[in-house]
Amino acid sequence: MADTEKKSMSQRFAGLKTEFSKIIWPDGSSVGRQTVAVVATSVVVAFIIVILDYVIQYGVDFLVKL
């Protein structure tokens, strides 16, 4: 029983090594461009949220003062 478990584990690690060799890792410039795109998009979305927050707050303040 221990022999089959040992063989099974070695087969699992061999399969894992095979699967890891199939991974295509992106190059550094691609990662850099994608990072800049994510940060830029996050800044734009944050700016839109801030503007909407100010507009909604102004509207609520206006309605409360009525």
C-alpha atoms as a PDB file:
ATOM      1  CA  MET A   1       0.000   0.000   0.000  1.00  0.00           C
ATOM      2  CA  ALA A   2       2.803   2.428   0.820  1.00  0.00           C
ATOM      3  CA  ASP A   3       4.439   1.624  -2.514  1.00  0.00           C
ATOM      4  CA  THR A   4       1.314   2.600  -4.470  1.00  0.00           C
ATOM      5  CA  GLU A   5       0.899   5.804  -2.473  1.00  0.00           C
ATOM      6  CA  LYS A   6       4.541   6.690  -3.079  1.00  0.00           C
ATOM      7  CA  LYS A   7       4.208   5.996  -6.787  1.00  0.00           C
ATOM      8  CA  SER A   8       1.016   7.997  -6.889  1.00  0.00           C
ATOM      9  CA  MET A   9       2.726  10.991  -5.249  1.00  0.00           C
ATOM     10  CA  SER A  10       5.638  10.835  -7.686  1.00  0.00           C
ATOM     11  CA  GLN A  11       3.187  10.708 -10.571  1.00  0.00           C
ATOM     12  CA  ARG A  12       1.347  13.701  -9.147  1.00  0.00           C
ATOM     13  CA  PHE A  13       4.546  15.711  -8.919  1.00  0.00           C
ATOM     14  CA  ALA A  14       5.525  14.677 -12.443  1.00  0.00           C
ATOM     15  CA  GLY A  15       2.113  15.787 -13.688  1.00  0.00           C
ATOM     16  CA  LEU A  16       2.447  19.044 -11.779  1.00  0.00           C
ATOM     17  CA  LYS A  17       5.836  19.688 -13.371  1.00  0.00           C
ATOM     18  CA  THR A  18       4.361  18.986 -16.804  1.00  0.00           C
ATOM     19  CA  GLU A  19       1.478  21.401 -16.190  1.00  0.00           C
ATOM     20  CA  PHE A  20       3.816  24.137 -14.949  1.00  0.00           C
ATOM     21  CA  SER A  21       5.887  23.803 -18.114  1.00  0.00           C
ATOM     22  CA  LYS A  22       2.743  24.619 -20.150  1.00  0.00           C
ATOM     23  CA  ILE A  23       2.323  28.017 -18.474  1.00  0.00           C
ATOM     24  CA  ILE A  24       3.157  30.950 -20.729  1.00  0.00           C
ATOM     25  CA  TRP A  25       4.381  33.772 -18.525  1.00  0.00           C
ATOM     26  CA  PRO A  26       3.988  37.347 -19.851  1.00  0.00           C
ATOM     27  CA  ASP A  27       7.076  39.411 -20.518  1.00  0.00           C
ATOM     28  CA  GLY A  28       7.965  42.420 -18.393  1.00  0.00           C
ATOM     29  CA  SER A  29       6.813  45.068 -20.860  1.00  0.00           C
ATOM     30  CA  SER A  30       3.393  43.464 -21.144  1.00  0.00           C
ATOM     31  CA  VAL A  31       3.020  43.380 -17.364  1.00  0.00           C
ATOM     32  CA  GLY A  32       4.110  47.014 -17.201  1.00  0.00           C
ATOM     33  CA  ARG A  33       1.569  48.116 -19.796  1.00  0.00           C
ATOM     34  CA  GLN A  34      -1.221  46.196 -18.100  1.00  0.00           C
ATOM     35  CA  THR A  35      -0.274  47.672 -14.727  1.00  0.00           C
ATOM     36  CA  VAL A  36      -0.383  51.196 -16.129  1.00  0.00           C
ATOM     37  CA  ALA A  37      -3.774  50.481 -17.707  1.00  0.00           C
ATOM     38  CA  VAL A  38      -5.197  49.171 -14.412  1.00  0.00           C
ATOM     39  CA  VAL A  39      -3.867  52.129 -12.425  1.00  0.00           C
ATOM     40  CA  ALA A  40      -5.148  54.646 -15.005  1.00  0.00           C
ATOM     41  CA  THR A  41      -8.577  53.024 -15.084  1.00  0.00           C
ATOM     42  CA  SER A  42      -8.706  52.996 -11.285  1.00  0.00           C
ATOM     43  CA  VAL A  43      -7.848  56.700 -11.142  1.00  0.00           C
ATOM     44  CA  VAL A  44     -10.527  57.566 -13.709  1.00  0.00           C
ATOM     45  CA  VAL A  45     -13.184  55.519 -11.901  1.00  0.00           C
ATOM     46  CA  ALA A  46     -12.191  57.087  -8.564  1.00  0.00           C
ATOM     47  CA  PHE A  47     -12.477  60.561 -10.105  1.00  0.00           C
ATOM     48  CA  ILE A  48     -15.953  59.764 -11.456  1.00  0.00           C
ATOM     49  CA  ILE A  49     -17.034  58.470  -8.032  1.00  0.00           C
ATOM     50  CA  VAL A  50     -15.733  61.635  -6.328  1.00  0.00           C
ATOM     51  CA  ILE A  51     -17.586  63.880  -8.789  1.00  0.00           C
ATOM     52  CA  LEU A  52     -20.811  61.900  -8.355  1.00  0.00           C
ATOM     53  CA  ASP A  53     -20.410  62.056  -4.579  1.00  0.00           C
ATOM     54  CA  TYR A  54     -20.100  65.844  -4.636  1.00  0.00           C
ATOM     55  CA  VAL A  55     -23.085  66.222  -6.971  1.00  0.00           C
ATOM     56  CA  ILE A  56     -25.277  63.917  -4.893  1.00  0.00           C
ATOM     57  CA  GLN A  57     -24.188  65.601  -1.654  1.00  0.00           C
ATOM     58  CA  TYR A  58     -25.018  69.023  -3.131  1.00  0.00           C
ATOM     59  CA  GLY A  59     -28.456  67.736  -4.172  1.00  0.00           C
ATOM     60  CA  VAL A  60     -29.163  66.248  -0.737  1.00  0.00           C
ATOM     61  CA  ASP A  61     -28.039  69.467   0.997  1.00  0.00           C
ATOM     62  CA  PHE A  62     -30.243  71.500  -1.345  1.00  0.00           C
ATOM     63  CA  LEU A  63     -33.279  69.312  -0.611  1.00  0.00           C
ATOM     64  CA  VAL A  64     -32.671  69.402   3.154  1.00  0.00           C
ATOM     65  CA  LYS A  65     -32.530  73.221   3.159  1.00  0.00           C
ATOM     66  CA  LEU A  66     -35.979  73.462   1.506  1.00  0.00           C
END
